[in-house]
Amino acid sequence: MTSSIPTPSYPISSGATSSNPVDMLEKRAADQRRQIHNSVAELRETVKEKLDVKRNLHEHLWPAAGVAALLGWMLGYSVMGVFTKD
């Protein structure tokens, strides 16, 4: 009868230079916290760039002006109908 012993996902070594599983887990947790911190910092910077009104207006001035003119024309045309008689 053979027993199936699960093998851990972390490397096992023996001797004076070995580290126990708790130390390995603490190291992994620290690495993951560092990765999460870096990801959050990148996300903040990306959101800050995307929501920068001054930069976006500078980059998309002509399309924004065209949309504003079109909306103004449509609003003026529809309001004009209220003041004219058939």
Protein backbone atom coordinates (compact mmCIF):
# COMPACT_ATOMS: atom_id res chain seq x y z
CA MET A 1 0.00 0.00 0.00
CA THR A 2 1.51 3.32 -1.08
CA SER A 3 0.53 6.65 0.38
CA SER A 4 0.32 9.78 -1.64
CA ILE A 5 2.09 12.65 0.08
CA PRO A 6 1.43 16.08 -1.43
CA THR A 7 4.54 17.97 -2.34
CA PRO A 8 4.77 21.63 -1.35
CA SER A 9 5.05 24.29 -4.03
CA TYR A 10 8.06 25.88 -2.36
CA PRO A 11 11.54 24.38 -2.66
CA ILE A 12 12.74 22.21 0.18
CA SER A 13 16.40 22.17 1.06
CA SER A 14 18.30 20.82 3.99
CA GLY A 15 21.25 22.11 5.96
CA ALA A 16 22.19 25.34 7.68
CA THR A 17 21.17 27.51 4.73
CA SER A 18 17.60 26.21 4.56
CA SER A 19 14.69 28.48 5.28
CA ASN A 20 11.52 27.24 6.82
CA PRO A 21 8.13 27.50 5.09
CA VAL A 22 7.05 30.39 7.30
CA ASP A 23 9.99 32.49 6.16
CA MET A 24 9.24 31.64 2.53
CA LEU A 25 5.58 32.61 2.98
CA GLU A 26 6.57 35.88 4.63
CA LYS A 27 8.92 36.64 1.74
CA ARG A 28 6.19 35.86 -0.80
CA ALA A 29 3.72 38.05 1.07
CA ALA A 30 6.22 40.92 1.11
CA ASP A 31 6.85 40.48 -2.63
CA GLN A 32 3.12 40.45 -3.34
CA ARG A 33 2.56 43.57 -1.22
CA ARG A 34 5.33 45.30 -3.17
CA GLN A 35 3.76 44.26 -6.49
CA ILE A 36 0.33 45.48 -5.39
CA HIS A 37 1.81 48.78 -4.22
CA ASN A 38 3.54 49.27 -7.58
CA SER A 39 0.37 48.35 -9.48
CA VAL A 40 -1.70 50.82 -7.49
CA ALA A 41 0.88 53.55 -8.05
CA GLU A 42 0.81 52.88 -11.82
CA LEU A 43 -2.99 52.90 -11.83
CA ARG A 44 -3.11 56.22 -9.97
CA GLU A 45 -0.70 57.79 -12.44
CA THR A 46 -2.67 56.46 -15.43
CA VAL A 47 -5.99 57.73 -14.04
CA LYS A 48 -4.42 61.09 -13.23
CA GLU A 49 -3.17 61.41 -16.82
CA LYS A 50 -6.50 60.34 -18.34
CA LEU A 51 -8.51 62.80 -16.22
CA ASP A 52 -6.21 65.79 -16.77
CA VAL A 53 -8.68 68.27 -18.27
CA LYS A 54 -6.10 70.83 -19.37
CA ARG A 55 -3.99 68.27 -21.25
CA ASN A 56 -7.02 66.56 -22.81
CA LEU A 57 -8.49 69.87 -23.96
CA HIS A 58 -5.14 70.86 -25.46
CA GLU A 59 -4.88 67.54 -27.33
CA HIS A 60 -8.51 67.48 -28.52
CA LEU A 61 -9.31 71.17 -28.97
CA TRP A 62 -10.71 71.03 -32.53
CA PRO A 63 -13.00 68.02 -32.04
CA ALA A 64 -14.29 69.58 -28.80
CA ALA A 65 -14.92 72.88 -30.57
CA GLY A 66 -16.76 71.08 -33.37
CA VAL A 67 -18.99 69.19 -30.95
CA ALA A 68 -19.72 72.41 -29.02
CA ALA A 69 -20.61 74.24 -32.25
CA LEU A 70 -22.87 71.41 -33.40
CA LEU A 71 -24.66 71.29 -30.05
CA GLY A 72 -25.07 75.07 -30.08
CA TRP A 73 -26.50 74.99 -33.59
CA MET A 74 -28.94 72.20 -32.69
CA LEU A 75 -30.05 73.97 -29.51
CA GLY A 76 -30.48 77.29 -31.35
CA TYR A 77 -32.45 75.65 -34.15
CA SER A 78 -34.78 73.90 -31.71
CA VAL A 79 -35.32 77.04 -29.58
CA MET A 80 -35.96 79.09 -32.71
CA GLY A 81 -39.00 76.93 -33.42
CA VAL A 82 -40.62 78.09 -30.20
CA PHE A 83 -40.47 81.76 -31.23
CA THR A 84 -41.58 81.43 -34.86
CA LYS A 85 -45.18 81.13 -35.93
CA ASP A 86 -46.50 78.95 -38.71
